[in-house]
């Protein structure tokens, strides 16, 4: 921990499981099988050995995953809605996003931008831009 980081810079995210759900007897058009799944732990996506996952199905859920990882208000639809329609319009399967356990992360371990909030903004962005300019300049 650097001297610029507060002593407690911990935050929590939910791990997620995304599973293919299909009504019995219906055909899945993306090559998946009911029960196929992946897990998301922090920013790392994990597939079971030997199982694939359609990039089109992944594209349907990807924009929701970061929000589903975070604590949300009980009345927020992100807290209650878990099923996403398959992107293939003729497929009746769903992709179910389930929050599993919470995992703790340190702000200082996942970013170089310090936690020095002043007036609602975070300082340190200027230094990051300067470093990127030096790298690419």
Protein backbone atom coordinates (compact mmCIF):
# COMPACT_ATOMS: atom_id res chain seq x y z
CA UNK A 1 0.00 0.00 0.00
CA UNK A 2 1.40 3.40 -0.92
CA UNK A 3 1.40 6.30 1.48
CA UNK A 4 -1.27 7.96 -0.71
CA UNK A 5 -3.73 5.09 -0.26
CA UNK A 6 -6.05 5.12 2.77
CA UNK A 7 -5.64 2.32 5.31
CA UNK A 8 -8.97 0.77 4.26
CA UNK A 9 -9.42 0.81 0.51
CA UNK A 10 -11.47 -2.41 0.39
CA UNK A 11 -14.58 -2.84 -1.75
CA UNK A 12 -16.74 -5.87 -2.49
CA UNK A 13 -18.13 -7.38 -5.67
CA UNK A 14 -20.39 -10.36 -6.16
CA UNK A 15 -19.11 -13.37 -8.03
CA UNK A 16 -21.58 -14.30 -10.77
CA UNK A 17 -22.74 -17.46 -12.47
CA UNK A 18 -24.33 -17.15 -15.93
CA UNK A 19 -26.23 -20.27 -16.96
CA UNK A 20 -28.11 -21.33 -20.09
CA UNK A 21 -31.76 -22.10 -19.24
CA UNK A 22 -33.99 -23.72 -21.84
CA UNK A 23 -37.61 -24.91 -21.70
CA UNK A 24 -37.78 -28.73 -22.00
CA UNK A 25 -38.07 -29.89 -25.60
CA UNK A 26 -36.99 -26.56 -27.11
CA UNK A 27 -34.02 -26.34 -29.43
CA UNK A 28 -31.04 -24.16 -28.49
CA UNK A 29 -29.62 -22.60 -31.66
CA UNK A 30 -26.20 -21.42 -30.45
CA UNK A 31 -24.72 -24.86 -29.79
CA UNK A 32 -25.09 -24.62 -26.01
CA UNK A 33 -26.83 -27.12 -23.78
CA UNK A 34 -29.13 -26.34 -20.86
CA UNK A 35 -26.88 -25.96 -17.83
CA UNK A 36 -23.85 -24.67 -19.74
CA UNK A 37 -22.42 -21.79 -17.74
CA UNK A 38 -19.51 -19.56 -16.91
CA UNK A 39 -18.53 -17.82 -13.70
CA UNK A 40 -17.20 -14.33 -13.18
CA UNK A 41 -14.86 -13.78 -10.23
CA UNK A 42 -13.82 -10.15 -10.10
CA UNK A 43 -12.83 -9.42 -13.68
CA UNK A 44 -11.93 -13.01 -14.54
CA UNK A 45 -14.36 -15.10 -16.60
CA UNK A 46 -14.06 -18.88 -16.10
CA UNK A 47 -15.51 -21.69 -18.22
CA UNK A 48 -15.63 -25.31 -17.13
CA UNK A 49 -13.01 -27.47 -18.88
CA UNK A 50 -14.07 -28.46 -22.41
CA UNK A 51 -17.12 -26.19 -22.52
CA UNK A 52 -17.50 -23.24 -24.87
CA UNK A 53 -19.87 -20.29 -24.78
CA UNK A 54 -21.29 -18.44 -27.78
CA UNK A 55 -19.84 -14.97 -28.30
CA UNK A 56 -23.34 -13.78 -29.24
CA UNK A 57 -24.76 -15.07 -25.95
CA UNK A 58 -21.84 -13.48 -24.12
CA UNK A 59 -22.55 -10.22 -25.94
CA UNK A 60 -26.14 -10.27 -24.62
CA UNK A 61 -25.08 -10.42 -20.96
CA UNK A 62 -21.72 -8.64 -20.96
CA UNK A 63 -23.12 -5.09 -20.53
CA UNK A 64 -25.00 -6.20 -17.40
CA UNK A 65 -22.26 -8.07 -15.58
CA UNK A 66 -20.41 -5.15 -13.95
CA UNK A 67 -23.70 -3.79 -12.60
CA UNK A 68 -24.79 -7.22 -11.35
CA UNK A 69 -21.49 -7.53 -9.47
CA UNK A 70 -22.28 -4.45 -7.38
CA UNK A 71 -24.67 -3.98 -4.49
CA UNK A 72 -27.86 -2.36 -5.76
CA UNK A 73 -30.95 -0.89 -4.12
CA UNK A 74 -33.64 -3.47 -3.32
CA UNK A 75 -36.08 -1.65 -5.64
CA UNK A 76 -33.63 -1.49 -8.54
CA UNK A 77 -34.52 -3.89 -11.37
CA UNK A 78 -30.88 -4.99 -11.37
CA UNK A 79 -31.54 -6.52 -7.92
CA UNK A 80 -34.54 -8.57 -9.04
CA UNK A 81 -34.25 -9.35 -12.76
CA UNK A 82 -31.86 -12.17 -13.60
CA UNK A 83 -32.95 -13.60 -16.97
CA UNK A 84 -31.69 -12.29 -20.31
CA UNK A 85 -33.20 -13.41 -23.60
CA UNK A 86 -31.03 -15.31 -26.03
CA UNK A 87 -29.97 -12.89 -28.79
CA UNK A 88 -31.23 -15.34 -31.46
CA UNK A 89 -34.88 -14.25 -31.99
CA UNK A 90 -36.07 -17.81 -32.73
CA UNK A 91 -34.43 -19.38 -29.67
CA UNK A 92 -36.44 -19.69 -26.45
CA UNK A 93 -33.43 -20.14 -24.17
CA UNK A 94 -32.49 -17.65 -21.47
CA UNK A 95 -29.24 -16.67 -19.84
CA UNK A 96 -29.68 -16.50 -16.06
CA UNK A 97 -27.29 -14.27 -14.09
CA UNK A 98 -27.01 -15.34 -10.46
CA UNK A 99 -25.09 -13.53 -7.75
CA UNK A 100 -23.11 -16.03 -5.72
CA UNK A 101 -20.63 -15.05 -3.01
CA UNK A 102 -19.04 -11.67 -2.33
CA UNK A 103 -15.34 -11.15 -2.88
CA UNK A 104 -13.21 -8.32 -1.42
CA UNK A 105 -10.76 -6.26 -3.45
CA UNK A 106 -8.26 -3.53 -2.60
CA UNK A 107 -8.55 -0.33 -4.62
CA UNK A 108 -4.77 0.00 -4.63
CA UNK A 109 -4.38 -3.48 -6.11
CA UNK A 110 -6.63 -2.84 -9.11
CA UNK A 111 -5.75 0.73 -10.13
CA UNK A 112 -2.96 3.29 -9.95
CA UNK A 113 -5.38 6.18 -9.41
CA UNK A 114 -5.29 7.15 -5.70
CA UNK A 115 -8.37 7.40 -3.50
CA UNK A 116 -8.18 11.09 -2.70
CA UNK A 117 -11.72 12.28 -3.23
CA UNK A 118 -12.18 16.04 -2.98
CA UNK A 119 -15.48 17.68 -3.81
CA UNK A 120 -16.79 14.53 -5.44
CA UNK A 121 -13.89 14.14 -7.87
CA UNK A 122 -10.90 11.85 -7.67
CA UNK A 123 -7.48 13.43 -8.05
CA UNK A 124 -4.74 11.48 -9.71
CA UNK A 125 -6.24 11.35 -13.18
CA UNK A 126 -3.88 14.07 -14.35
CA UNK A 127 -0.87 12.01 -13.25
CA UNK A 128 -2.23 8.96 -15.06
CA UNK A 129 -2.67 10.96 -18.28
CA UNK A 130 0.89 12.28 -17.92
CA UNK A 131 2.22 8.72 -17.49
CA UNK A 132 0.31 7.51 -20.55
CA UNK A 133 1.61 10.47 -22.57
CA UNK A 134 5.18 9.55 -21.59
CA UNK A 135 4.62 5.92 -22.56
CA UNK A 136 3.06 6.72 -25.91
CA UNK A 137 4.81 10.01 -26.66
